[in-house]
């Protein structure tokens, strides 16, 4: 087992999974605190690096494309303070950080884990229900519907329509953009039959973000919805992004491929990546096709 404990957080690697726990230091971002402990299976990792600095070093994980709905929803735009896959390391622990990185690299080599993109999410989205108030409104998601409510700062043209309740089945995508410089950010839901014609300030399917403290938490709502949309590599829907038709496999049910998928789901459940409810839903979706 390899372990590193810092004010910024704790990483514990047992050869199969990496447990990431945020620290309580004031520099730990609000999003990382709200995410809490993450359990990352080895199969979700593409690599790890450690960079030394004069005052502090940094461990960085690289996940396989498509493995994590949070990274999928945020598109690499998380600031360092909010990125759960980075760890600030104090100079006197550089040796430990190198050891942890080497242990992860060795496990990836021994297990032959490919760094290529994956066709299904290997990490679950944030726990439900989730609700965040920031910018010009509140966004909430219970697994079935997204609800948007407006505050006194909302533009009249958008607030006039009242609260929005959008069924998950009508959502085709999620856009999350943090505020940067003089440019405002937003969380926007792409809705079937509703083309994007207005900026977030006036879009009834978007919350505008102005760069305040709670803005990064909107990524929780984005990730929770993203986890329950069809995986980006696939064309069909499925619970937690389990594809209706696995990438690279022929149309029609492939018995061996479905059995492999069941084994993968079982491993994710045993590793604690999928909850009992999530595992049951995903398993049922596969069994229906056997």
Protein backbone atom coordinates (compact mmCIF):
# COMPACT_ATOMS: atom_id res chain seq x y z
CA UNK A 1 0.00 0.00 0.00
CA UNK A 2 1.22 3.50 -0.83
CA UNK A 3 -0.05 6.51 1.10
CA UNK A 4 0.66 10.22 1.24
CA UNK A 5 -0.95 12.56 3.78
CA UNK A 6 -0.79 16.30 3.23
CA UNK A 7 -2.71 19.36 4.39
CA UNK A 8 -4.15 19.44 0.87
CA UNK A 9 -5.49 15.90 1.16
CA UNK A 10 -4.69 12.19 1.38
CA UNK A 11 -4.08 9.64 -1.37
CA UNK A 12 -4.09 5.92 -0.54
CA UNK A 13 -3.33 3.35 -3.25
CA UNK A 14 -3.84 -0.37 -2.57
CA UNK A 15 -2.95 -1.69 -6.02
CA UNK A 16 -6.54 -1.79 -7.27
CA UNK A 17 -8.03 1.55 -6.29
CA UNK A 18 -6.85 5.03 -5.35
CA UNK A 19 -8.77 6.68 -2.52
CA UNK A 20 -8.62 10.46 -2.63
CA UNK A 21 -9.71 12.42 0.44
CA UNK A 22 -9.64 16.24 0.44
CA UNK A 23 -7.79 17.98 3.27
CA UNK A 24 -9.07 20.75 5.52
CA UNK A 25 -6.54 23.36 4.49
CA UNK A 26 -7.98 26.76 3.59
CA UNK A 27 -6.62 26.39 0.06
CA UNK A 28 -8.75 23.29 -0.62
CA UNK A 29 -11.52 24.38 -2.97
CA UNK A 30 -15.20 24.19 -2.06
CA UNK A 31 -15.92 21.73 -4.87
CA UNK A 32 -13.33 19.24 -3.60
CA UNK A 33 -14.78 19.48 -0.10
CA UNK A 34 -18.29 18.82 -1.35
CA UNK A 35 -17.17 15.86 -3.47
CA UNK A 36 -15.62 14.24 -0.40
CA UNK A 37 -13.73 10.96 -0.75
CA UNK A 38 -13.38 9.59 -4.28
CA UNK A 39 -12.63 5.95 -5.05
CA UNK A 40 -10.87 5.72 -8.41
CA UNK A 41 -10.43 2.21 -9.89
CA UNK A 42 -7.08 1.46 -11.49
CA UNK A 43 -8.82 0.85 -14.81
CA UNK A 44 -9.93 4.49 -14.93
CA UNK A 45 -6.37 5.82 -14.84
CA UNK A 46 -4.29 6.77 -17.86
CA UNK A 47 -1.23 7.97 -15.93
CA UNK A 48 0.21 9.91 -13.00
CA UNK A 49 2.91 12.54 -12.71
CA UNK A 50 4.76 14.37 -9.96
CA UNK A 51 6.20 17.84 -10.47
CA UNK A 52 8.62 19.35 -7.98
CA UNK A 53 8.53 23.05 -7.21
CA UNK A 54 10.57 25.43 -5.06
CA UNK A 55 7.83 25.85 -2.47
CA UNK A 56 5.57 22.90 -3.24
CA UNK A 57 5.22 20.01 -5.62
CA UNK A 58 2.11 18.59 -7.24
CA UNK A 59 0.84 15.08 -7.88
CA UNK A 60 -1.45 14.90 -10.88
CA UNK A 61 -3.63 12.04 -12.06
CA UNK A 62 -4.63 11.66 -15.68
CA UNK A 63 -7.87 9.75 -16.15
CA UNK A 64 -8.85 7.94 -19.32
CA UNK A 65 -11.12 10.03 -21.51
CA UNK A 66 -14.75 9.23 -20.77
CA UNK A 67 -14.07 7.57 -17.39
CA UNK A 68 -15.38 10.33 -15.13
CA UNK A 69 -18.61 12.29 -15.68
CA UNK A 70 -17.21 15.23 -13.66
CA UNK A 71 -14.27 15.66 -16.03
CA UNK A 72 -16.56 15.07 -19.00
CA UNK A 73 -18.94 17.81 -17.87
CA UNK A 74 -16.23 20.34 -16.97
CA UNK A 75 -14.00 19.70 -19.98
CA UNK A 76 -10.68 20.29 -18.21
CA UNK A 77 -11.74 23.75 -17.02
CA UNK A 78 -11.52 23.13 -13.26
CA UNK A 79 -9.11 25.40 -11.41
CA UNK A 80 -6.34 23.68 -9.43
CA UNK A 81 -8.03 24.42 -6.10
CA UNK A 82 -11.15 22.55 -7.26
CA UNK A 83 -9.55 19.70 -9.22
CA UNK A 84 -9.85 16.50 -7.12
CA UNK A 85 -7.15 14.77 -9.17
CA UNK A 86 -4.34 17.06 -8.06
CA UNK A 87 -2.53 17.11 -4.71
CA UNK A 88 -0.19 19.84 -3.43
CA UNK A 89 2.89 18.24 -1.84
CA UNK A 90 5.23 19.85 0.70
CA UNK A 91 8.98 19.64 -0.08
CA UNK A 92 9.76 17.29 2.81
CA UNK A 93 7.35 14.71 1.29
CA UNK A 94 8.69 14.71 -2.25
CA UNK A 95 10.17 11.23 -1.77
CA UNK A 96 6.80 9.86 -0.66
CA UNK A 97 5.05 11.51 -3.61
CA UNK A 98 7.53 9.90 -6.03
CA UNK A 99 6.92 6.53 -4.38
CA UNK A 100 3.13 6.83 -4.72
CA UNK A 101 3.46 7.85 -8.37
CA UNK A 102 5.81 4.91 -9.06
CA UNK A 103 3.42 2.44 -7.40
CA UNK A 104 0.53 3.64 -9.56
CA UNK A 105 2.66 3.48 -12.72
CA UNK A 106 3.87 -0.03 -11.89
CA UNK A 107 0.30 -1.23 -11.27
CA UNK A 108 -0.83 0.21 -14.61
CA UNK A 109 2.00 -1.64 -16.36
CA UNK A 110 1.44 -4.93 -14.53
CA UNK A 111 -2.30 -4.90 -15.21
CA UNK A 112 -1.83 -3.77 -18.78
CA UNK A 113 -4.30 -0.90 -18.38
CA UNK A 114 -4.76 0.90 -21.67
CA UNK A 115 -4.63 4.72 -21.63
CA UNK A 116 -7.17 4.79 -24.46
CA UNK A 117 -10.66 6.32 -23.99
CA UNK A 118 -13.37 4.16 -22.42
CA UNK A 119 -16.91 3.54 -23.63
CA UNK A 120 -18.63 3.78 -20.24
CA UNK A 121 -18.22 5.81 -17.06
CA UNK A 122 -16.02 4.08 -14.49
CA UNK A 123 -16.83 6.56 -11.73
CA UNK A 124 -20.32 7.50 -10.57
CA UNK A 125 -21.64 11.03 -10.58
CA UNK A 126 -22.25 13.03 -7.38
CA UNK A 127 -24.79 11.71 -4.90
CA UNK A 128 -28.44 12.63 -5.46
CA UNK A 129 -30.38 14.74 -4.95
CA UNK A 130 -28.08 17.68 -5.59
CA UNK A 131 -28.96 21.36 -5.52
CA UNK A 132 -26.77 24.45 -5.85
CA UNK A 133 -27.55 28.17 -5.64
CA UNK A 134 -25.16 30.48 -7.45
CA UNK A 135 -25.24 33.26 -10.02
CA UNK A 136 -28.75 34.12 -11.12
CA UNK A 137 -30.50 30.96 -9.95
CA UNK A 138 -30.64 27.54 -8.32
CA UNK A 139 -30.13 24.29 -10.20
CA UNK A 140 -31.23 20.96 -8.74
CA UNK A 141 -31.35 17.38 -10.00
CA UNK A 142 -33.08 14.37 -8.42
CA UNK A 143 -32.21 11.75 -11.02
CA UNK A 144 -35.38 12.29 -13.05
CA UNK A 145 -35.67 16.03 -13.56
CA UNK A 146 -33.60 19.17 -13.53
CA UNK A 147 -35.27 22.07 -11.76
CA UNK A 148 -34.18 25.67 -12.31
CA UNK A 149 -35.39 28.48 -10.05
CA UNK A 150 -34.53 32.16 -10.36
CA UNK A 151 -33.53 34.82 -7.84
CA UNK A 152 -33.87 38.59 -7.70
CA UNK A 153 -30.74 39.04 -9.85
CA UNK A 154 -32.22 37.16 -12.82
CA UNK A 155 -33.03 39.14 -15.95
CA UNK A 156 -36.78 39.82 -16.17
CA UNK A 157 -37.03 38.22 -19.61
CA UNK A 158 -35.80 34.91 -18.20
CA UNK A 159 -37.52 35.07 -14.82
CA UNK A 160 -40.90 35.86 -16.39
CA UNK A 161 -41.36 32.23 -17.46
CA UNK A 162 -41.04 31.08 -13.85
CA UNK A 163 -39.22 27.98 -12.55
CA UNK A 164 -38.21 25.32 -15.08
CA UNK A 165 -38.64 21.57 -14.67
CA UNK A 166 -36.83 19.61 -17.39
CA UNK A 167 -37.21 15.81 -17.65
CA UNK A 168 -33.91 13.99 -18.00
CA UNK A 169 -35.26 12.32 -21.14
CA UNK A 170 -35.44 15.76 -22.83
CA UNK A 171 -31.82 16.70 -22.03
CA UNK A 172 -29.29 15.98 -24.76
CA UNK A 173 -26.20 17.56 -23.20
CA UNK A 174 -24.67 19.75 -20.51
CA UNK A 175 -22.44 22.83 -20.84
CA UNK A 176 -20.43 24.06 -17.85
CA UNK A 177 -18.18 27.08 -18.25
CA UNK A 178 -16.52 28.90 -15.31
CA UNK A 179 -16.25 32.68 -15.24
CA UNK A 180 -12.89 33.87 -16.56
CA UNK A 181 -11.69 37.45 -16.41
CA UNK A 182 -14.49 39.71 -17.59
CA UNK A 183 -16.37 36.78 -19.15
CA UNK A 184 -19.22 35.27 -17.13
CA UNK A 185 -19.60 31.52 -16.87
CA UNK A 186 -22.71 29.36 -17.05
CA UNK A 187 -24.35 26.00 -16.57
CA UNK A 188 -26.57 25.29 -19.56
CA UNK A 189 -28.77 22.28 -20.32
CA UNK A 190 -29.23 21.43 -23.97
CA UNK A 191 -32.86 20.48 -24.40
CA UNK A 192 -34.31 18.50 -27.28
CA UNK A 193 -36.36 20.77 -29.53
CA UNK A 194 -35.03 23.98 -27.95
CA UNK A 195 -32.15 25.38 -30.03
CA UNK A 196 -29.67 27.63 -28.24
CA UNK A 197 -30.37 31.10 -29.55
CA UNK A 198 -29.80 33.32 -26.50
CA UNK A 199 -26.81 33.94 -24.22
CA UNK A 200 -27.05 32.32 -20.74
CA UNK A 201 -28.18 35.63 -19.28
CA UNK A 202 -31.47 35.24 -21.15
CA UNK A 203 -31.62 31.47 -21.72
CA UNK A 204 -34.32 29.80 -19.53
CA UNK A 205 -32.32 26.55 -19.66
CA UNK A 206 -29.15 28.11 -18.25
CA UNK A 207 -27.83 29.57 -15.00
CA UNK A 208 -25.41 32.45 -15.47
CA UNK A 209 -22.32 32.45 -13.22
CA UNK A 210 -20.34 35.53 -12.24
CA UNK A 211 -17.25 34.08 -10.62
CA UNK A 212 -18.35 34.04 -6.98
CA UNK A 213 -17.41 31.49 -4.31
CA UNK A 214 -20.17 28.93 -4.93
CA UNK A 215 -19.92 28.94 -8.72
CA UNK A 216 -17.71 25.79 -8.91
CA UNK A 217 -20.40 23.80 -7.10
CA UNK A 218 -22.55 24.05 -10.23
CA UNK A 219 -20.16 21.44 -11.62
CA UNK A 220 -21.79 18.97 -9.19
CA UNK A 221 -25.15 19.39 -10.93
CA UNK A 222 -23.50 19.21 -14.34
CA UNK A 223 -21.69 15.98 -13.44
CA UNK A 224 -24.76 14.38 -11.85
CA UNK A 225 -26.76 14.93 -15.05
CA UNK A 226 -23.84 13.95 -17.30
CA UNK A 227 -23.50 10.61 -15.47
CA UNK A 228 -27.06 9.71 -16.40
CA UNK A 229 -26.95 10.76 -20.04
CA UNK A 230 -25.77 8.40 -22.77
CA UNK A 231 -21.99 8.11 -22.70
CA UNK A 232 -20.43 10.49 -25.26
CA UNK A 233 -18.88 7.58 -27.15
CA UNK A 234 -22.26 5.91 -27.61
CA UNK A 235 -25.49 6.65 -29.37
CA UNK A 236 -27.99 5.01 -27.02
CA UNK A 237 -29.08 5.79 -23.46
CA UNK A 238 -28.31 3.73 -20.40
CA UNK A 239 -28.11 4.08 -16.63
CA UNK A 240 -24.89 5.76 -15.51
CA UNK A 241 -23.81 6.02 -19.12
CA UNK A 242 -23.93 2.22 -19.70
CA UNK A 243 -24.23 2.25 -23.51
CA UNK A 244 -27.10 0.72 -25.41
CA UNK A 245 -24.57 -0.60 -27.94
CA UNK A 246 -20.91 -1.03 -26.90
CA UNK A 247 -18.42 0.84 -29.08
CA UNK A 248 -16.64 -1.20 -31.68
CA UNK A 249 -19.04 -4.18 -31.41
CA UNK A 250 -21.49 -5.28 -34.10
CA UNK A 251 -25.12 -4.32 -33.95
CA UNK A 252 -27.29 -6.88 -32.22
CA UNK A 253 -26.58 -8.49 -28.88
CA UNK A 254 -23.18 -10.12 -28.50
CA UNK A 255 -23.55 -12.70 -25.70
CA UNK A 256 -19.87 -12.73 -24.73
CA UNK A 257 -19.66 -8.93 -24.72
CA UNK A 258 -22.68 -8.70 -22.43
CA UNK A 259 -21.19 -11.25 -20.05
CA UNK A 260 -17.97 -9.21 -19.94
CA UNK A 261 -20.04 -6.12 -19.17
CA UNK A 262 -21.72 -7.92 -16.25
CA UNK A 263 -18.32 -8.88 -14.85
CA UNK A 264 -17.10 -5.29 -15.17
CA UNK A 265 -20.18 -4.00 -13.35
CA UNK A 266 -19.66 -6.57 -10.59
CA UNK A 267 -16.06 -5.41 -10.12
CA UNK A 268 -17.11 -1.76 -9.95
CA UNK A 269 -19.75 -2.67 -7.36
CA UNK A 270 -17.27 -4.66 -5.23
CA UNK A 271 -14.76 -1.78 -5.39
CA UNK A 272 -17.40 0.62 -4.09
CA UNK A 273 -17.53 2.66 -7.29
CA UNK A 274 -21.21 1.79 -7.89
CA UNK A 275 -23.81 1.88 -5.13
CA UNK A 276 -26.21 -1.06 -4.70
CA UNK A 277 -28.98 0.89 -6.46
CA UNK A 278 -26.72 1.98 -9.34
CA UNK A 279 -25.37 -1.56 -9.77
CA UNK A 280 -28.88 -3.03 -9.84
CA UNK A 281 -30.07 -0.55 -12.49
CA UNK A 282 -27.03 -1.11 -14.69
CA UNK A 283 -27.21 -4.90 -14.30
CA UNK A 284 -30.88 -4.96 -15.21
CA UNK A 285 -30.17 -2.95 -18.37
CA UNK A 286 -27.62 -5.56 -19.47
CA UNK A 287 -29.70 -8.59 -18.47
CA UNK A 288 -32.58 -7.37 -20.61
CA UNK A 289 -30.36 -7.83 -23.65
CA UNK A 290 -29.14 -11.34 -22.82
